[in-house]
Amino acid sequence: MTPDPSSQHGRAQSVSDPPAGPATPRGVPLASVPAGATVRVAGVDAGMGLTSRLTSMGLVRGVELRVVRNRGRGPAVVEVMGVRLALGRGMAAKILVR
C-alpha cells in the first residue's frame, strides 16, 4: 500500500493550514525574530495544551515582548512584563508576532 501524497506523517493537510514559510497573514514566527526586537503577540498556532501553557506564562494576544536572545539554536529568550522566559524552538515557532 502506498502512502497518500496529501498526508504528511499521517495527517492530511487541510485547506485552512497556514502556508509553509516564515510569514503568515497573522504574523511571523517568534523563532525568526532577531535579538533586540520588540514585538507584539499576534496569536498562537498550537493546540489547547500549549496555548494554555503560554497563556499561564503571560504570552497572550496583544502583549508586548522583547527578544533577548534568539540565535537559531537552543532556546529563544524573551522578556515579557519584566520576566525572562526561555522558550524551546518548537514553542517559539508556534508563537506568531508582529
C-alpha atoms as a PDB file:
ATOM      1  CA  MET A   1       0.000   0.000   0.000  1.00  0.00           C
ATOM      2  CA  THR A   2       1.433   3.393  -0.973  1.00  0.00           C
ATOM      3  CA  PRO A   3       1.059   6.387   1.331  1.00  0.00           C
ATOM      4  CA  ASP A   4      -1.408   9.105   0.436  1.00  0.00           C
ATOM      5  CA  PRO A   5       0.607  12.004  -1.063  1.00  0.00           C
ATOM      6  CA  SER A   6      -1.756  14.545   0.512  1.00  0.00           C
ATOM      7  CA  SER A   7      -0.878  13.440   4.024  1.00  0.00           C
ATOM      8  CA  GLN A   8       2.228  14.222   5.986  1.00  0.00           C
ATOM      9  CA  HIS A   9       3.120  11.920   8.867  1.00  0.00           C
ATOM     10  CA  GLY A  10      -0.412  10.541   8.916  1.00  0.00           C
ATOM     11  CA  ARG A  11      -2.058  13.985   8.978  1.00  0.00           C
ATOM     12  CA  ALA A  12      -3.911  15.276   5.948  1.00  0.00           C
ATOM     13  CA  GLN A  13      -3.161  18.905   5.157  1.00  0.00           C
ATOM     14  CA  SER A  14      -6.334  20.951   5.137  1.00  0.00           C
ATOM     15  CA  VAL A  15      -7.085  23.996   3.059  1.00  0.00           C
ATOM     16  CA  SER A  16      -7.043  26.164   6.227  1.00  0.00           C
ATOM     17  CA  ASP A  17      -3.462  25.223   7.203  1.00  0.00           C
ATOM     18  CA  PRO A  18      -1.155  28.246   7.047  1.00  0.00           C
ATOM     19  CA  PRO A  19       1.264  28.243   4.137  1.00  0.00           C
ATOM     20  CA  ALA A  20       4.743  26.911   4.754  1.00  0.00           C
ATOM     21  CA  GLY A  21       7.360  29.599   5.189  1.00  0.00           C
ATOM     22  CA  PRO A  22       8.424  32.244   7.629  1.00  0.00           C
ATOM     23  CA  ALA A  23       5.412  34.587   7.415  1.00  0.00           C
ATOM     24  CA  THR A  24       1.651  34.171   7.511  1.00  0.00           C
ATOM     25  CA  PRO A  25      -1.026  36.862   7.230  1.00  0.00           C
ATOM     26  CA  ARG A  26      -1.296  36.813  11.040  1.00  0.00           C
ATOM     27  CA  GLY A  27       2.396  37.417  11.703  1.00  0.00           C
ATOM     28  CA  VAL A  28       5.863  35.889  11.689  1.00  0.00           C
ATOM     29  CA  PRO A  29       7.038  33.081  13.959  1.00  0.00           C
ATOM     30  CA  LEU A  30       8.851  34.300  17.073  1.00  0.00           C
ATOM     31  CA  ALA A  31      11.635  31.847  16.199  1.00  0.00           C
ATOM     32  CA  SER A  32      12.580  34.051  13.209  1.00  0.00           C
ATOM     33  CA  VAL A  33      12.733  37.387  15.076  1.00  0.00           C
ATOM     34  CA  PRO A  34      16.247  38.715  15.806  1.00  0.00           C
ATOM     35  CA  ALA A  35      17.500  39.527  19.306  1.00  0.00           C
ATOM     36  CA  GLY A  36      16.824  43.094  20.375  1.00  0.00           C
ATOM     37  CA  ALA A  37      13.476  43.351  18.576  1.00  0.00           C
ATOM     38  CA  THR A  38      10.320  44.366  20.428  1.00  0.00           C
ATOM     39  CA  VAL A  39       7.165  42.748  19.059  1.00  0.00           C
ATOM     40  CA  ARG A  40       3.542  42.050  19.979  1.00  0.00           C
ATOM     41  CA  VAL A  41       1.962  38.603  20.086  1.00  0.00           C
ATOM     42  CA  ALA A  42      -0.475  38.233  17.172  1.00  0.00           C
ATOM     43  CA  GLY A  43      -1.582  34.690  18.006  1.00  0.00           C
ATOM     44  CA  VAL A  44      -0.558  31.137  18.726  1.00  0.00           C
ATOM     45  CA  ASP A  45      -0.718  28.395  16.099  1.00  0.00           C
ATOM     46  CA  ALA A  46      -0.886  25.453  18.524  1.00  0.00           C
ATOM     47  CA  GLY A  47      -3.243  23.092  20.285  1.00  0.00           C
ATOM     48  CA  MET A  48      -5.108  23.738  23.501  1.00  0.00           C
ATOM     49  CA  GLY A  49      -2.359  22.360  25.751  1.00  0.00           C
ATOM     50  CA  LEU A  50       0.415  24.645  24.508  1.00  0.00           C
ATOM     51  CA  THR A  51      -1.930  27.619  24.169  1.00  0.00           C
ATOM     52  CA  SER A  52      -2.966  27.184  27.806  1.00  0.00           C
ATOM     53  CA  ARG A  53       0.645  26.875  28.931  1.00  0.00           C
ATOM     54  CA  LEU A  54       1.678  30.036  27.070  1.00  0.00           C
ATOM     55  CA  THR A  55      -1.335  31.912  28.463  1.00  0.00           C
ATOM     56  CA  SER A  56      -0.291  30.992  32.004  1.00  0.00           C
ATOM     57  CA  MET A  57       3.147  32.481  31.245  1.00  0.00           C
ATOM     58  CA  GLY A  58       1.588  35.760  30.104  1.00  0.00           C
ATOM     59  CA  LEU A  59       2.042  35.199  26.367  1.00  0.00           C
ATOM     60  CA  VAL A  60      -1.391  36.283  25.168  1.00  0.00           C
ATOM     61  CA  ARG A  61      -2.518  38.164  22.063  1.00  0.00           C
ATOM     62  CA  GLY A  62      -1.520  41.819  22.179  1.00  0.00           C
ATOM     63  CA  VAL A  63       1.174  41.549  24.867  1.00  0.00           C
ATOM     64  CA  GLU A  64       4.484  43.226  24.050  1.00  0.00           C
ATOM     65  CA  LEU A  65       7.684  41.243  24.416  1.00  0.00           C
ATOM     66  CA  ARG A  66      11.364  41.861  23.821  1.00  0.00           C
ATOM     67  CA  VAL A  67      13.546  39.195  22.228  1.00  0.00           C
ATOM     68  CA  VAL A  68      16.636  38.915  24.451  1.00  0.00           C
ATOM     69  CA  ARG A  69      18.334  36.014  22.672  1.00  0.00           C
ATOM     70  CA  ASN A  70      17.493  34.133  19.507  1.00  0.00           C
ATOM     71  CA  ARG A  71      20.472  32.609  17.736  1.00  0.00           C
ATOM     72  CA  GLY A  72      18.667  29.963  15.695  1.00  0.00           C
ATOM     73  CA  ARG A  73      19.861  27.171  18.009  1.00  0.00           C
ATOM     74  CA  GLY A  74      18.828  26.485  21.553  1.00  0.00           C
ATOM     75  CA  PRO A  75      16.016  28.287  23.327  1.00  0.00           C
ATOM     76  CA  ALA A  76      14.714  31.726  22.420  1.00  0.00           C
ATOM     77  CA  VAL A  77      14.838  34.004  25.470  1.00  0.00           C
ATOM     78  CA  VAL A  78      12.165  36.694  25.663  1.00  0.00           C
ATOM     79  CA  GLU A  79      11.215  39.271  28.258  1.00  0.00           C
ATOM     80  CA  VAL A  80       7.517  39.790  28.888  1.00  0.00           C
ATOM     81  CA  MET A  81       6.147  42.023  31.671  1.00  0.00           C
ATOM     82  CA  GLY A  82       9.606  42.205  33.269  1.00  0.00           C
ATOM     83  CA  VAL A  83      10.100  38.425  33.372  1.00  0.00           C
ATOM     84  CA  ARG A  84      12.520  36.487  31.178  1.00  0.00           C
ATOM     85  CA  LEU A  85      11.288  33.245  29.662  1.00  0.00           C
ATOM     86  CA  ALA A  86      13.271  30.605  27.783  1.00  0.00           C
ATOM     87  CA  LEU A  87      11.163  29.022  25.052  1.00  0.00           C
ATOM     88  CA  GLY A  88      12.113  25.932  23.082  1.00  0.00           C
ATOM     89  CA  ARG A  89      12.481  26.302  19.323  1.00  0.00           C
ATOM     90  CA  GLY A  90       9.245  24.402  18.688  1.00  0.00           C
ATOM     91  CA  MET A  91       7.283  26.670  21.017  1.00  0.00           C
ATOM     92  CA  ALA A  92       8.836  29.805  19.542  1.00  0.00           C
ATOM     93  CA  ALA A  93       7.888  28.658  16.038  1.00  0.00           C
ATOM     94  CA  LYS A  94       4.219  28.438  17.034  1.00  0.00           C
ATOM     95  CA  ILE A  95       4.011  31.954  18.528  1.00  0.00           C
ATOM     96  CA  LEU A  96       3.118  34.459  15.811  1.00  0.00           C
ATOM     97  CA  VAL A  97       4.213  38.075  16.353  1.00  0.00           C
ATOM     98  CA  ARG A  98       4.074  41.450  14.575  1.00  0.00           C
END
